C-alpha atoms as a PDB file:
ATOM      1  CA  MET A   1      -0.298  -0.093   0.078  1.00  0.00           C
ATOM      2  CA  GLY A   2       1.548   3.439  -0.871  1.00  0.00           C
ATOM      3  CA  GLU A   3       1.565   6.933   0.814  1.00  0.00           C
ATOM      4  CA  ILE A   4      -1.563   8.516   1.120  1.00  0.00           C
ATOM      5  CA  ASN A   5      -1.934  12.282  -0.134  1.00  0.00           C
ATOM      6  CA  VAL A   6      -2.712  14.058   3.439  1.00  0.00           C
ATOM      7  CA  ASN A   7      -3.225  17.854   3.134  1.00  0.00           C
ATOM      8  CA  VAL A   8      -2.886  19.441   6.147  1.00  0.00           C
ATOM      9  CA  ARG A   9      -3.868  23.460   6.924  1.00  0.00           C
ATOM     10  CA  TRP A  10      -5.205  25.738   9.239  1.00  0.00           C
ATOM     11  CA  ALA A  11      -8.106  24.734  11.217  1.00  0.00           C
ATOM     12  CA  GLU A  12     -11.293  27.110  10.892  1.00  0.00           C
ATOM     13  CA  LEU A  13     -14.723  27.831  12.891  1.00  0.00           C
ATOM     14  CA  LYS A  14     -16.547  25.679   9.813  1.00  0.00           C
ATOM     15  CA  ASP A  15     -14.535  22.765  10.771  1.00  0.00           C
ATOM     16  CA  ILE A  16     -15.256  22.600  14.487  1.00  0.00           C
ATOM     17  CA  HIS A  17     -17.953  19.653  14.127  1.00  0.00           C
ATOM     18  CA  ASP A  18     -15.114  17.939  12.221  1.00  0.00           C
ATOM     19  CA  LEU A  19     -12.916  18.367  15.001  1.00  0.00           C
ATOM     20  CA  TYR A  20     -15.594  16.746  17.438  1.00  0.00           C
ATOM     21  CA  GLN A  21     -15.857  13.907  15.539  1.00  0.00           C
ATOM     22  CA  ILE A  22     -12.514  13.016  15.107  1.00  0.00           C
ATOM     23  CA  HIS A  23     -11.331  13.303  18.621  1.00  0.00           C
ATOM     24  CA  SER A  24     -14.575  11.370  19.302  1.00  0.00           C
ATOM     25  CA  ASN A  25     -13.745   8.714  16.957  1.00  0.00           C
ATOM     26  CA  ASP A  26     -10.055   8.598  17.253  1.00  0.00           C
ATOM     27  CA  GLY A  27     -10.201   5.381  19.494  1.00  0.00           C
ATOM     28  CA  GLU A  28      -8.362   6.750  22.755  1.00  0.00           C
ATOM     29  CA  LYS A  29      -9.710   7.264  25.993  1.00  0.00           C
ATOM     30  CA  HIS A  30      -9.996  10.876  26.880  1.00  0.00           C
ATOM     31  CA  GLN A  31      -9.798  12.217  30.793  1.00  0.00           C
ATOM     32  CA  ARG A  32     -11.738  14.697  29.684  1.00  0.00           C
ATOM     33  CA  PRO A  33     -14.925  15.530  26.602  1.00  0.00           C
ATOM     34  CA  PHE A  34     -13.589  17.380  23.773  1.00  0.00           C
ATOM     35  CA  ASP A  35     -16.374  19.996  24.446  1.00  0.00           C
ATOM     36  CA  SER A  36     -15.294  20.974  27.264  1.00  0.00           C
ATOM     37  CA  TYR A  37     -12.587  22.563  25.935  1.00  0.00           C
ATOM     38  CA  PRO A  38     -13.052  25.844  24.428  1.00  0.00           C
ATOM     39  CA  VAL A  39     -12.276  24.586  21.290  1.00  0.00           C
ATOM     40  CA  ALA A  40     -14.069  27.879  19.080  1.00  0.00           C
ATOM     41  CA  ASN A  41     -12.407  30.439  21.156  1.00  0.00           C
ATOM     42  CA  TRP A  42      -9.014  28.632  19.988  1.00  0.00           C
ATOM     43  CA  LEU A  43      -9.953  28.562  16.652  1.00  0.00           C
ATOM     44  CA  ALA A  44     -10.940  32.512  16.873  1.00  0.00           C
ATOM     45  CA  GLY A  45      -7.695  33.218  18.640  1.00  0.00           C
ATOM     46  CA  GLU A  46      -4.177  33.715  17.494  1.00  0.00           C
ATOM     47  CA  HIS A  47      -1.974  32.142  20.565  1.00  0.00           C
ATOM     48  CA  LYS A  48      -2.437  28.379  18.957  1.00  0.00           C
ATOM     49  CA  ILE A  49      -1.566  26.733  16.128  1.00  0.00           C
ATOM     50  CA  PHE A  50      -4.533  24.758  15.081  1.00  0.00           C
ATOM     51  CA  LEU A  51      -4.469  22.043  11.912  1.00  0.00           C
ATOM     52  CA  ILE A  52      -6.573  19.811  10.676  1.00  0.00           C
ATOM     53  CA  ALA A  53      -5.471  17.161   8.358  1.00  0.00           C
ATOM     54  CA  GLU A  54      -8.021  16.132   5.527  1.00  0.00           C
ATOM     55  CA  LEU A  55      -7.572  13.119   2.930  1.00  0.00           C
ATOM     56  CA  SER A  56     -10.554  15.257   0.760  1.00  0.00           C
ATOM     57  CA  LYS A  57     -12.640  18.587   1.141  1.00  0.00           C
ATOM     58  CA  VAL A  58     -15.185  16.601   2.618  1.00  0.00           C
ATOM     59  CA  GLU A  59     -12.876  13.739   4.512  1.00  0.00           C
ATOM     60  CA  LYS A  60     -11.220  15.038   7.726  1.00  0.00           C
ATOM     61  CA  VAL A  61      -9.248  12.435   9.406  1.00  0.00           C
ATOM     62  CA  GLY A  62      -6.864  14.371  12.335  1.00  0.00           C
ATOM     63  CA  PHE A  63      -6.158  17.578  14.164  1.00  0.00           C
ATOM     64  CA  LEU A  64      -3.134  19.423  16.119  1.00  0.00           C
ATOM     65  CA  ILE A  65      -3.532  22.036  18.732  1.00  0.00           C
ATOM     66  CA  ALA A  66      -0.096  23.143  19.504  1.00  0.00           C
ATOM     67  CA  ARG A  67       0.752  26.307  21.705  1.00  0.00           C
ATOM     68  CA  PRO A  68       3.813  28.333  21.177  1.00  0.00           C
ATOM     69  CA  ILE A  69       5.217  30.442  23.637  1.00  0.00           C
ATOM     70  CA  GLY A  70       9.018  32.097  22.477  1.00  0.00           C
ATOM     71  CA  LYS A  71      10.982  29.445  21.737  1.00  0.00           C
ATOM     72  CA  GLU A  72       9.050  26.700  23.024  1.00  0.00           C
ATOM     73  CA  ALA A  73       6.040  25.076  21.606  1.00  0.00           C
ATOM     74  CA  ARG A  74       3.625  22.287  23.036  1.00  0.00           C
ATOM     75  CA  ILE A  75       1.666  19.951  21.063  1.00  0.00           C
ATOM     76  CA  ASP A  76      -1.620  20.428  23.763  1.00  0.00           C
ATOM     77  CA  PHE A  77      -4.130  18.069  21.512  1.00  0.00           C
ATOM     78  CA  PHE A  78      -3.054  15.579  19.172  1.00  0.00           C
ATOM     79  CA  SER A  79      -6.201  13.544  17.601  1.00  0.00           C
ATOM     80  CA  VAL A  80      -6.817  11.117  14.314  1.00  0.00           C
ATOM     81  CA  ILE A  81      -9.619   8.691  13.464  1.00  0.00           C
ATOM     82  CA  LYS A  82      -9.109   5.107  14.407  1.00  0.00           C
ATOM     83  CA  ASP A  83      -9.836   3.867  10.610  1.00  0.00           C
ATOM     84  CA  ALA A  84      -7.620   6.485   8.866  1.00  0.00           C
ATOM     85  CA  ASN A  85      -3.637   5.869   7.812  1.00  0.00           C
ATOM     86  CA  ILE A  86      -2.729   7.182  11.226  1.00  0.00           C
ATOM     87  CA  LYS A  87       0.889   7.278  10.050  1.00  0.00           C
ATOM     88  CA  ASP A  88       0.259   9.393   7.155  1.00  0.00           C
ATOM     89  CA  VAL A  89      -1.780  11.624   8.417  1.00  0.00           C
ATOM     90  CA  ARG A  90      -0.032  11.810  11.919  1.00  0.00           C
ATOM     91  CA  GLU A  91       3.348  12.627  10.518  1.00  0.00           C
ATOM     92  CA  ALA A  92       1.811  15.337   8.310  1.00  0.00           C
ATOM     93  CA  LEU A  93       0.335  17.472  10.801  1.00  0.00           C
ATOM     94  CA  ILE A  94       3.704  16.871  12.779  1.00  0.00           C
ATOM     95  CA  ASP A  95       5.748  17.682   9.114  1.00  0.00           C
ATOM     96  CA  LYS A  96       3.101  21.042   9.122  1.00  0.00           C
ATOM     97  CA  ALA A  97       3.752  21.893  12.801  1.00  0.00           C
ATOM     98  CA  ILE A  98       7.088  21.830  12.689  1.00  0.00           C
ATOM     99  CA  GLU A  99       7.379  23.797   9.365  1.00  0.00           C
ATOM    100  CA  LEU A 100       5.684  26.451  10.898  1.00  0.00           C
ATOM    101  CA  LEU A 101       7.560  26.527  13.925  1.00  0.00           C
ATOM    102  CA  PRO A 102      11.051  27.422  12.658  1.00  0.00           C
ATOM    103  CA  ASN A 103      13.756  27.300  15.406  1.00  0.00           C
ATOM    104  CA  THR A 104      11.163  26.315  17.808  1.00  0.00           C
ATOM    105  CA  LYS A 105      11.689  22.785  20.447  1.00  0.00           C
ATOM    106  CA  LEU A 106       8.563  21.436  20.273  1.00  0.00           C
ATOM    107  CA  SER A 107       7.442  19.102  22.494  1.00  0.00           C
ATOM    108  CA  VAL A 108       4.550  16.546  23.425  1.00  0.00           C
ATOM    109  CA  TYR A 109       3.608  14.156  26.689  1.00  0.00           C
ATOM    110  CA  VAL A 110       1.987  10.685  25.279  1.00  0.00           C
ATOM    111  CA  PRO A 111       1.100   7.979  27.350  1.00  0.00           C
ATOM    112  CA  ASP A 112       3.911   5.705  28.206  1.00  0.00           C
ATOM    113  CA  LYS A 113       3.274   3.324  25.388  1.00  0.00           C
ATOM    114  CA  LYS A 114       5.832   1.561  23.133  1.00  0.00           C
ATOM    115  CA  GLY A 115       4.409   2.523  19.773  1.00  0.00           C
ATOM    116  CA  LYS A 116       3.152   5.781  20.680  1.00  0.00           C
ATOM    117  CA  ILE A 117       6.885   6.745  21.578  1.00  0.00           C
ATOM    118  CA  LYS A 118       8.045   5.182  18.991  1.00  0.00           C
ATOM    119  CA  PHE A 119       6.349   7.305  16.396  1.00  0.00           C
ATOM    120  CA  TYR A 120       7.665  10.206  18.014  1.00  0.00           C
ATOM    121  CA  GLU A 121      11.284   9.255  18.342  1.00  0.00           C
ATOM    122  CA  SER A 122      11.363   8.258  14.693  1.00  0.00           C
ATOM    123  CA  LEU A 123      10.322  12.058  13.643  1.00  0.00           C
ATOM    124  CA  GLY A 124      13.328  13.369  15.594  1.00  0.00           C
ATOM    125  CA  PHE A 125      11.597  13.692  19.125  1.00  0.00           C
ATOM    126  CA  GLU A 126      13.677  12.248  22.000  1.00  0.00           C
ATOM    127  CA  ILE A 127      12.842  11.553  25.630  1.00  0.00           C
ATOM    128  CA  MET A 128      13.203  14.283  28.122  1.00  0.00           C
ATOM    129  CA  GLU A 129      11.127  12.750  31.490  1.00  0.00           C
ATOM    130  CA  VAL A 130       8.788  11.217  32.719  1.00  0.00           C
ATOM    131  CA  ALA A 131       5.782  12.881  34.476  1.00  0.00           C
ATOM    132  CA  HIS A 132       4.576   9.697  36.936  1.00  0.00           C
ATOM    133  CA  ASN A 133       1.100   9.074  37.182  1.00  0.00           C
ATOM    134  CA  MET A 134       0.120  11.939  34.592  1.00  0.00           C
ATOM    135  CA  TYR A 135      -2.814   9.778  33.262  1.00  0.00           C
ATOM    136  CA  GLY A 136      -4.083   8.175  36.743  1.00  0.00           C
ATOM    137  CA  GLU A 137      -2.856   5.909  39.045  1.00  0.00           C
ATOM    138  CA  GLY A 138       0.335   4.218  37.885  1.00  0.00           C
ATOM    139  CA  ARG A 139      -0.006   5.435  33.915  1.00  0.00           C
ATOM    140  CA  ASP A 140       2.603   7.465  33.434  1.00  0.00           C
ATOM    141  CA  GLY A 141       3.361  10.536  30.589  1.00  0.00           C
ATOM    142  CA  ILE A 142       6.346  10.735  28.535  1.00  0.00           C
ATOM    143  CA  ASN A 143       7.909  13.943  27.563  1.00  0.00           C
ATOM    144  CA  LEU A 144       9.406  14.050  23.900  1.00  0.00           C
ATOM    145  CA  VAL A 145      10.835  16.795  22.640  1.00  0.00           C
ATOM    146  CA  ASN A 146      11.935  17.890  19.080  1.00  0.00           C
ATOM    147  CA  GLN A 147      15.287  19.905  19.156  1.00  0.00           C
ATOM    148  CA  PRO A 148      15.605  22.346  15.760  1.00  0.00           C
ATOM    149  CA  ASN A 149      19.001  21.556  15.877  1.00  0.00           C
ATOM    150  CA  LEU A 150      18.326  17.622  15.971  1.00  0.00           C
ATOM    151  CA  ARG A 151      15.541  17.224  13.068  1.00  0.00           C
ATOM    152  CA  LYS A 152      15.981  15.531   9.841  1.00  0.00           C
ATOM    153  CA  GLU A 153      15.189  16.851   6.496  1.00  0.00           C
ATOM    154  CA  ARG A 154      12.107  14.183   5.541  1.00  0.00           C
ATOM    155  CA  GLU A 155      10.218  15.007   2.399  1.00  0.00           C
ATOM    156  CA  VAL A 156       6.941  16.208   2.328  1.00  0.00           C
ATOM    157  CA  LEU A 157       4.241  15.130   1.113  1.00  0.00           C
ATOM    158  CA  TYR A 158       1.410  17.477   1.441  1.00  0.00           C
ATOM    159  CA  PRO A 159       0.728  20.950  -0.427  1.00  0.00           C
ATOM    160  CA  GLN A 160       2.089  24.239   1.301  1.00  0.00           C
ATOM    161  CA  THR A 161      -1.245  26.038   2.103  1.00  0.00           C
ATOM    162  CA  VAL A 162      -0.259  27.924   5.372  1.00  0.00           C
ATOM    163  CA  VAL A 163       1.301  31.078   4.882  1.00  0.00           C
ATOM    164  CA  GLY A 164       4.601  31.379   7.413  1.00  0.00           C
ATOM    165  CA  GLU A 165       4.088  35.270   7.665  1.00  0.00           C
ATOM    166  CA  LEU A 166       0.647  34.483   9.630  1.00  0.00           C
ATOM    167  CA  LEU A 167       2.351  32.726  12.008  1.00  0.00           C
ATOM    168  CA  GLU A 168       5.790  35.602  12.153  1.00  0.00           C
ATOM    169  CA  GLU A 169       3.345  37.873  12.789  1.00  0.00           C
ATOM    170  CA  ASN A 170       1.239  35.847  15.570  1.00  0.00           C
ATOM    171  CA  LEU A 171       4.184  34.921  17.493  1.00  0.00           C
ATOM    172  CA  LYS A 172       5.546  38.279  17.130  1.00  0.00           C
ATOM    173  CA  LYS A 173       2.271  39.468  19.532  1.00  0.00           C
ATOM    174  CA  LEU A 174       3.066  36.967  21.538  1.00  0.00           C
ATOM    175  CA  GLU A 175       6.521  38.305  22.241  1.00  0.00           C
ATOM    176  CA  MET A 176       5.121  41.882  22.927  1.00  0.00           C
ATOM    177  CA  LEU A 177       2.424  41.022  24.978  1.00  0.00           C
ATOM    178  CA  GLU A 178       4.792  38.252  27.064  1.00  0.00           C
ATOM    179  CA  LYS A 179       7.097  41.968  27.476  1.00  0.00           C
ATOM    180  CA  ALA A 180       4.158  43.712  28.365  1.00  0.00           C
ATOM    181  CA  LYS A 181       3.228  41.615  31.044  1.00  0.00           C
ATOM    182  CA  ILE A 182       7.030  41.168  32.492  1.00  0.00           C
ATOM    183  CA  GLU A 183       6.941  44.905  33.088  1.00  0.00           C
ATOM    184  CA  GLU A 184       3.639  45.315  34.362  1.00  0.00           C
ATOM    185  CA  ASP A 185       5.000  42.615  37.293  1.00  0.00           C
END
């Protein structure tokens, strides 16, 4: 079976129903329902990288939400529907996040499962710490980090559709907000 063509783009308010469907059909056990988060505010705001993966204009199969703060960013949500070609979709979402966050340390916490850890390691992430009982009693979380200087060049299989200037503008706004907050203190 060959690789699939995954288009990754900025998520929009019109995608909100698809985001809930993806999250509820990803085969994962979630600690909290997705509708308890302020998803519409995140989509309308400027402080997150909010990407959606699609196989066609009607088939949305995954999303990623990352929160950049200065030269670091954390993946807060990463969801792919269970029946999708998970590896290709996940790689496309991570590739786009890395592309949009150049020179940024990208981190993620995942449950202590070999498959999840191997996936991130195959993309250049390294284990940084273990958060004991992060997902409940006896269920540790693993913090994996992809540092810019450790990234390997890889072929990108999706079209380049997101404009980098928007990200740069938003990062500048975040830096200005951080400076203003420091000056207030």
